[in-house]
Amino acid sequence: MMAEAAVRYAVDDDGVAHMIWDTPGLDVNVLNDASLDAFISAINRFVEDGAARGLIISSAKRTFRAGGDLKML
């Protein structure tokens, strides 16, 4: 079973790409290996996406980021 992605990526009809950070199972976004990999993957999709003309990075949580995984850091 594949884990739920920490970053959703979509391009709207105007060519604006949206990256939405939403760490699954947590009330806040935490910087960890999974979210960092998802962020890099979404950025790479944007760079390679010929339909995307701009990028908006936002959070599905109240705050953009609340902390980091100390074991990862």
PDB file of N, CA and C in Angstrom:
ATOM      1  N   MET A   1       0.850  -1.195   0.000  1.00  0.00           N
ATOM      2  CA  MET A   1       0.000   0.000   0.000  1.00  0.00           C
ATOM      3  C   MET A   1       0.886   1.247   0.000  1.00  0.00           C
ATOM      4  N   MET A   2       0.573   2.183  -0.868  1.00  0.00           N
ATOM      5  CA  MET A   2       1.364   3.396  -0.984  1.00  0.00           C
ATOM      6  C   MET A   2       0.915   4.424   0.049  1.00  0.00           C
ATOM      7  N   ALA A   3       1.885   5.079   0.680  1.00  0.00           N
ATOM      8  CA  ALA A   3       1.561   6.104   1.682  1.00  0.00           C
ATOM      9  C   ALA A   3       0.958   7.325   1.002  1.00  0.00           C
ATOM     10  N   GLU A   4       0.070   8.000   1.706  1.00  0.00           N
ATOM     11  CA  GLU A   4      -0.538   9.227   1.196  1.00  0.00           C
ATOM     12  C   GLU A   4       0.542  10.296   1.056  1.00  0.00           C
ATOM     13  N   ALA A   5       0.531  11.006  -0.045  1.00  0.00           N
ATOM     14  CA  ALA A   5       1.536  12.032  -0.304  1.00  0.00           C
ATOM     15  C   ALA A   5       1.364  13.218   0.630  1.00  0.00           C
ATOM     16  N   ALA A   6       2.488  13.787   1.051  1.00  0.00           N
ATOM     17  CA  ALA A   6       2.466  14.947   1.938  1.00  0.00           C
ATOM     18  C   ALA A   6       2.259  16.240   1.165  1.00  0.00           C
ATOM     19  N   VAL A   7       2.445  16.200  -0.152  1.00  0.00           N
ATOM     20  CA  VAL A   7       2.274  17.384  -1.000  1.00  0.00           C
ATOM     21  C   VAL A   7       1.410  17.006  -2.198  1.00  0.00           C
ATOM     22  N   ARG A   8       0.323  17.742  -2.386  1.00  0.00           N
ATOM     23  CA  ARG A   8      -0.529  17.538  -3.561  1.00  0.00           C
ATOM     24  C   ARG A   8      -0.099  18.547  -4.636  1.00  0.00           C
ATOM     25  N   TYR A   9      -0.158  18.108  -5.894  1.00  0.00           N
ATOM     26  CA  TYR A   9       0.236  18.966  -7.009  1.00  0.00           C
ATOM     27  C   TYR A   9      -0.856  18.909  -8.061  1.00  0.00           C
ATOM     28  N   ALA A  10      -1.271  20.075  -8.533  1.00  0.00           N
ATOM     29  CA  ALA A  10      -2.266  20.148  -9.597  1.00  0.00           C
ATOM     30  C   ALA A  10      -2.052  21.445 -10.368  1.00  0.00           C
ATOM     31  N   VAL A  11      -2.435  21.431 -11.639  1.00  0.00           N
ATOM     32  CA  VAL A  11      -2.361  22.623 -12.477  1.00  0.00           C
ATOM     33  C   VAL A  11      -3.780  23.018 -12.852  1.00  0.00           C
ATOM     34  N   ASP A  12      -4.135  24.289 -12.611  1.00  0.00           N
ATOM     35  CA  ASP A  12      -5.490  24.738 -12.924  1.00  0.00           C
ATOM     36  C   ASP A  12      -5.611  25.131 -14.404  1.00  0.00           C
ATOM     37  N   ASP A  13      -6.790  25.551 -14.806  1.00  0.00           N
ATOM     38  CA  ASP A  13      -7.068  25.887 -16.208  1.00  0.00           C
ATOM     39  C   ASP A  13      -6.275  27.089 -16.712  1.00  0.00           C
ATOM     40  N   ASP A  14      -5.770  27.913 -15.794  1.00  0.00           N
ATOM     41  CA  ASP A  14      -4.977  29.081 -16.176  1.00  0.00           C
ATOM     42  C   ASP A  14      -3.488  28.774 -16.261  1.00  0.00           C
ATOM     43  N   GLY A  15      -3.108  27.516 -16.026  1.00  0.00           N
ATOM     44  CA  GLY A  15      -1.701  27.133 -16.080  1.00  0.00           C
ATOM     45  C   GLY A  15      -0.949  27.405 -14.793  1.00  0.00           C
ATOM     46  N   VAL A  16      -1.672  27.658 -13.719  1.00  0.00           N
ATOM     47  CA  VAL A  16      -1.028  27.895 -12.427  1.00  0.00           C
ATOM     48  C   VAL A  16      -0.960  26.568 -11.678  1.00  0.00           C
ATOM     49  N   ALA A  17       0.263  26.186 -11.316  1.00  0.00           N
ATOM     50  CA  ALA A  17       0.463  24.954 -10.548  1.00  0.00           C
ATOM     51  C   ALA A  17       0.271  25.272  -9.067  1.00  0.00           C
ATOM     52  N   HIS A  18      -0.352  24.350  -8.361  1.00  0.00           N
ATOM     53  CA  HIS A  18      -0.585  24.493  -6.927  1.00  0.00           C
ATOM     54  C   HIS A  18       0.054  23.322  -6.204  1.00  0.00           C
ATOM     55  N   MET A  19       0.957  23.636  -5.278  1.00  0.00           N
ATOM     56  CA  MET A  19       1.527  22.640  -4.376  1.00  0.00           C
ATOM     57  C   MET A  19       0.917  22.890  -3.008  1.00  0.00           C
ATOM     58  N   ILE A  20       0.245  21.895  -2.466  1.00  0.00           N
ATOM     59  CA  ILE A  20      -0.407  22.054  -1.167  1.00  0.00           C
ATOM     60  C   ILE A  20       0.210  21.052  -0.203  1.00  0.00           C
ATOM     61  N   TRP A  21       0.895  21.588   0.832  1.00  0.00           N
ATOM     62  CA  TRP A  21       1.550  20.747   1.828  1.00  0.00           C
ATOM     63  C   TRP A  21       0.527  20.342   2.868  1.00  0.00           C
ATOM     64  N   ASP A  22       0.372  19.050   3.054  1.00  0.00           N
ATOM     65  CA  ASP A  22      -0.630  18.527   3.984  1.00  0.00           C
ATOM     66  C   ASP A  22      -0.134  17.192   4.543  1.00  0.00           C
ATOM     67  N   THR A  23       0.712  17.257   5.565  1.00  0.00           N
ATOM     68  CA  THR A  23       1.265  16.042   6.160  1.00  0.00           C
ATOM     69  C   THR A  23       0.133  15.163   6.672  1.00  0.00           C
ATOM     70  N   PRO A  24       0.007  13.946   6.121  1.00  0.00           N
ATOM     71  CA  PRO A  24      -1.108  13.075   6.509  1.00  0.00           C
ATOM     72  C   PRO A  24      -1.016  12.615   7.963  1.00  0.00           C
ATOM     73  N   GLY A  25      -2.172  12.590   8.608  1.00  0.00           N
ATOM     74  CA  GLY A  25      -2.266  12.070   9.960  1.00  0.00           C
ATOM     75  C   GLY A  25      -1.805  13.011  11.056  1.00  0.00           C
ATOM     76  N   LEU A  26      -1.422  14.234  10.713  1.00  0.00           N
ATOM     77  CA  LEU A  26      -0.952  15.195  11.711  1.00  0.00           C
ATOM     78  C   LEU A  26      -1.760  16.491  11.624  1.00  0.00           C
ATOM     79  N   ASP A  27      -1.855  17.190  12.744  1.00  0.00           N
ATOM     80  CA  ASP A  27      -2.557  18.475  12.773  1.00  0.00           C
ATOM     81  C   ASP A  27      -1.708  19.610  12.215  1.00  0.00           C
ATOM     82  N   VAL A  28      -0.404  19.376  12.100  1.00  0.00           N
ATOM     83  CA  VAL A  28       0.534  20.385  11.600  1.00  0.00           C
ATOM     84  C   VAL A  28       1.444  19.740  10.563  1.00  0.00           C
ATOM     85  N   ASN A  29       2.044  20.565   9.725  1.00  0.00           N
ATOM     86  CA  ASN A  29       3.035  20.073   8.779  1.00  0.00           C
ATOM     87  C   ASN A  29       4.388  19.994   9.472  1.00  0.00           C
ATOM     88  N   VAL A  30       5.037  18.849   9.330  1.00  0.00           N
ATOM     89  CA  VAL A  30       6.339  18.621   9.942  1.00  0.00           C
ATOM     90  C   VAL A  30       7.329  18.262   8.848  1.00  0.00           C
ATOM     91  N   LEU A  31       8.486  18.908   8.881  1.00  0.00           N
ATOM     92  CA  LEU A  31       9.534  18.593   7.927  1.00  0.00           C
ATOM     93  C   LEU A  31      10.171  17.265   8.327  1.00  0.00           C
ATOM     94  N   ASN A  32      10.014  16.268   7.462  1.00  0.00           N
ATOM     95  CA  ASN A  32      10.620  14.959   7.694  1.00  0.00           C
ATOM     96  C   ASN A  32      11.014  14.378   6.342  1.00  0.00           C
ATOM     97  N   ASP A  33      11.547  13.170   6.337  1.00  0.00           N
ATOM     98  CA  ASP A  33      11.998  12.568   5.078  1.00  0.00           C
ATOM     99  C   ASP A  33      10.876  12.478   4.048  1.00  0.00           C
ATOM    100  N   ALA A  34       9.698  12.045   4.486  1.00  0.00           N
ATOM    101  CA  ALA A  34       8.572  11.871   3.559  1.00  0.00           C
ATOM    102  C   ALA A  34       8.119  13.204   2.963  1.00  0.00           C
ATOM    103  N   SER A  35       7.992  14.234   3.805  1.00  0.00           N
ATOM    104  CA  SER A  35       7.528  15.519   3.277  1.00  0.00           C
ATOM    105  C   SER A  35       8.590  16.169   2.400  1.00  0.00           C
ATOM    106  N   LEU A  36       9.856  16.002   2.751  1.00  0.00           N
ATOM    107  CA  LEU A  36      10.927  16.557   1.924  1.00  0.00           C
ATOM    108  C   LEU A  36      10.956  15.874   0.554  1.00  0.00           C
ATOM    109  N   ASP A  37      10.825  14.550   0.530  1.00  0.00           N
ATOM    110  CA  ASP A  37      10.776  13.818  -0.744  1.00  0.00           C
ATOM    111  C   ASP A  37       9.578  14.263  -1.582  1.00  0.00           C
ATOM    112  N   ALA A  38       8.410  14.434  -0.935  1.00  0.00           N
ATOM    113  CA  ALA A  38       7.204  14.861  -1.648  1.00  0.00           C
ATOM    114  C   ALA A  38       7.373  16.277  -2.205  1.00  0.00           C
ATOM    115  N   PHE A  39       8.005  17.162  -1.431  1.00  0.00           N
ATOM    116  CA  PHE A  39       8.246  18.529  -1.876  1.00  0.00           C
ATOM    117  C   PHE A  39       9.150  18.544  -3.104  1.00  0.00           C
ATOM    118  N   ILE A  40      10.244  17.784  -3.040  1.00  0.00           N
ATOM    119  CA  ILE A  40      11.184  17.720  -4.163  1.00  0.00           C
ATOM    120  C   ILE A  40      10.502  17.139  -5.394  1.00  0.00           C
ATOM    121  N   SER A  41       9.718  16.104  -5.209  1.00  0.00           N
ATOM    122  CA  SER A  41       8.994  15.486  -6.315  1.00  0.00           C
ATOM    123  C   SER A  41       8.033  16.473  -6.975  1.00  0.00           C
ATOM    124  N   ALA A  42       7.307  17.237  -6.161  1.00  0.00           N
ATOM    125  CA  ALA A  42       6.360  18.215  -6.705  1.00  0.00           C
ATOM    126  C   ALA A  42       7.091  19.343  -7.439  1.00  0.00           C
ATOM    127  N   ILE A  43       8.210  19.799  -6.904  1.00  0.00           N
ATOM    128  CA  ILE A  43       9.006  20.839  -7.580  1.00  0.00           C
ATOM    129  C   ILE A  43       9.498  20.308  -8.923  1.00  0.00           C
ATOM    130  N   ASN A  44       9.971  19.066  -8.945  1.00  0.00           N
ATOM    131  CA  ASN A  44      10.426  18.466 -10.206  1.00  0.00           C
ATOM    132  C   ASN A  44       9.285  18.360 -11.211  1.00  0.00           C
ATOM    133  N   ARG A  45       8.093  17.996 -10.754  1.00  0.00           N
ATOM    134  CA  ARG A  45       6.928  17.946 -11.655  1.00  0.00           C
ATOM    135  C   ARG A  45       6.666  19.314 -12.254  1.00  0.00           C
ATOM    136  N   PHE A  46       6.753  20.363 -11.434  1.00  0.00           N
ATOM    137  CA  PHE A  46       6.525  21.721 -11.925  1.00  0.00           C
ATOM    138  C   PHE A  46       7.558  22.093 -12.988  1.00  0.00           C
ATOM    139  N   VAL A  47       8.822  21.827 -12.705  1.00  0.00           N
ATOM    140  CA  VAL A  47       9.895  22.185 -13.641  1.00  0.00           C
ATOM    141  C   VAL A  47       9.707  21.470 -14.972  1.00  0.00           C
ATOM    142  N   GLU A  48       9.263  20.222 -14.933  1.00  0.00           N
ATOM    143  CA  GLU A  48       9.107  19.420 -16.147  1.00  0.00           C
ATOM    144  C   GLU A  48       7.752  19.631 -16.832  1.00  0.00           C
ATOM    145  N   ASP A  49       6.814  20.294 -16.175  1.00  0.00           N
ATOM    146  CA  ASP A  49       5.446  20.442 -16.677  1.00  0.00           C
ATOM    147  C   ASP A  49       5.356  21.623 -17.639  1.00  0.00           C
ATOM    148  N   GLY A  50       5.237  21.331 -18.921  1.00  0.00           N
ATOM    149  CA  GLY A  50       5.155  22.384 -19.920  1.00  0.00           C
ATOM    150  C   GLY A  50       3.874  23.205 -19.844  1.00  0.00           C
ATOM    151  N   ALA A  51       2.826  22.695 -19.177  1.00  0.00           N
ATOM    152  CA  ALA A  51       1.549  23.411 -19.074  1.00  0.00           C
ATOM    153  C   ALA A  51       1.554  24.423 -17.935  1.00  0.00           C
ATOM    154  N   ALA A  52       2.475  24.274 -16.984  1.00  0.00           N
ATOM    155  CA  ALA A  52       2.491  25.159 -15.804  1.00  0.00           C
ATOM    156  C   ALA A  52       3.267  26.432 -16.112  1.00  0.00           C
ATOM    157  N   ARG A  53       2.616  27.580 -15.832  1.00  0.00           N
ATOM    158  CA  ARG A  53       3.237  28.887 -16.092  1.00  0.00           C
ATOM    159  C   ARG A  53       3.650  29.595 -14.820  1.00  0.00           C
ATOM    160  N   GLY A  54       3.182  29.132 -13.692  1.00  0.00           N
ATOM    161  CA  GLY A  54       3.507  29.726 -12.406  1.00  0.00           C
ATOM    162  C   GLY A  54       3.245  28.700 -11.317  1.00  0.00           C
ATOM    163  N   LEU A  55       3.700  28.996 -10.102  1.00  0.00           N
ATOM    164  CA  LEU A  55       3.573  28.048  -9.003  1.00  0.00           C
ATOM    165  C   LEU A  55       3.172  28.763  -7.722  1.00  0.00           C
ATOM    166  N   ILE A  56       2.164  28.214  -7.053  1.00  0.00           N
ATOM    167  CA  ILE A  56       1.753  28.694  -5.728  1.00  0.00           C
ATOM    168  C   ILE A  56       1.973  27.548  -4.756  1.00  0.00           C
ATOM    169  N   ILE A  57       2.732  27.818  -3.693  1.00  0.00           N
ATOM    170  CA  ILE A  57       2.983  26.821  -2.650  1.00  0.00           C
ATOM    171  C   ILE A  57       2.211  27.261  -1.415  1.00  0.00           C
ATOM    172  N   SER A  58       1.351  26.374  -0.911  1.00  0.00           N
ATOM    173  CA  SER A  58       0.542  26.719   0.263  1.00  0.00           C
ATOM    174  C   SER A  58       0.427  25.517   1.189  1.00  0.00           C
ATOM    175  N   SER A  59      -0.249  25.732   2.295  1.00  0.00           N
ATOM    176  CA  SER A  59      -0.443  24.700   3.299  1.00  0.00           C
ATOM    177  C   SER A  59      -1.927  24.431   3.487  1.00  0.00           C
ATOM    178  N   ALA A  60      -2.269  23.169   3.698  1.00  0.00           N
ATOM    179  CA  ALA A  60      -3.648  22.820   4.031  1.00  0.00           C
ATOM    180  C   ALA A  60      -3.909  22.993   5.531  1.00  0.00           C
ATOM    181  N   LYS A  61      -2.851  23.260   6.280  1.00  0.00           N
ATOM    182  CA  LYS A  61      -2.953  23.443   7.733  1.00  0.00           C
ATOM    183  C   LYS A  61      -3.013  24.938   8.062  1.00  0.00           C
ATOM    184  N   ARG A  62      -3.277  25.257   9.317  1.00  0.00           N
ATOM    185  CA  ARG A  62      -3.329  26.672   9.750  1.00  0.00           C
ATOM    186  C   ARG A  62      -1.991  27.370   9.590  1.00  0.00           C
ATOM    187  N   THR A  63      -0.914  26.640   9.841  1.00  0.00           N
ATOM    188  CA  THR A  63       0.428  27.201   9.689  1.00  0.00           C
ATOM    189  C   THR A  63       1.135  26.461   8.560  1.00  0.00           C
ATOM    190  N   PHE A  64       2.129  27.104   7.974  1.00  0.00           N
ATOM    191  CA  PHE A  64       2.838  26.462   6.870  1.00  0.00           C
ATOM    192  C   PHE A  64       3.661  25.278   7.364  1.00  0.00           C
ATOM    193  N   ARG A  65       4.426  25.482   8.438  1.00  0.00           N
ATOM    194  CA  ARG A  65       5.253  24.430   9.017  1.00  0.00           C
ATOM    195  C   ARG A  65       5.360  24.650  10.512  1.00  0.00           C
ATOM    196  N   ALA A  66       5.274  23.564  11.275  1.00  0.00           N
ATOM    197  CA  ALA A  66       5.326  23.698  12.724  1.00  0.00           C
ATOM    198  C   ALA A  66       6.620  23.187  13.322  1.00  0.00           C
ATOM    199  N   GLY A  67       7.399  22.452  12.583  1.00  0.00           N
ATOM    200  CA  GLY A  67       8.654  21.940  13.135  1.00  0.00           C
ATOM    201  C   GLY A  67       9.269  20.912  12.228  1.00  0.00           C
ATOM    202  N   GLY A  68      10.322  20.296  12.738  1.00  0.00           N
ATOM    203  CA  GLY A  68      11.015  19.281  11.979  1.00  0.00           C
ATOM    204  C   GLY A  68      11.211  18.031  12.803  1.00  0.00           C
ATOM    205  N   ASP A  69      11.389  16.943  12.118  1.00  0.00           N
ATOM    206  CA  ASP A  69      11.664  15.665  12.762  1.00  0.00           C
ATOM    207  C   ASP A  69      13.113  15.681  13.230  1.00  0.00           C
ATOM    208  N   LEU A  70      13.331  15.758  14.518  1.00  0.00           N
ATOM    209  CA  LEU A  70      14.687  15.890  15.057  1.00  0.00           C
ATOM    210  C   LEU A  70      15.566  14.693  14.726  1.00  0.00           C
ATOM    211  N   LYS A  71      14.968  13.516  14.597  1.00  0.00           N
ATOM    212  CA  LYS A  71      15.747  12.338  14.231  1.00  0.00           C
ATOM    213  C   LYS A  71      16.275  12.462  12.808  1.00  0.00           C
ATOM    214  N   MET A  72      15.492  13.092  11.923  1.00  0.00           N
ATOM    215  CA  MET A  72      15.919  13.281  10.550  1.00  0.00           C
ATOM    216  C   MET A  72      17.011  14.342  10.477  1.00  0.00           C
ATOM    217  N   LEU A  73      16.838  15.436  11.217  1.00  0.00           N
ATOM    218  CA  LEU A  73      17.782  16.536  11.172  1.00  0.00           C
ATOM    219  C   LEU A  73      19.078  16.143  11.835  1.00  0.00           C
TER     220      LEU A  73
END
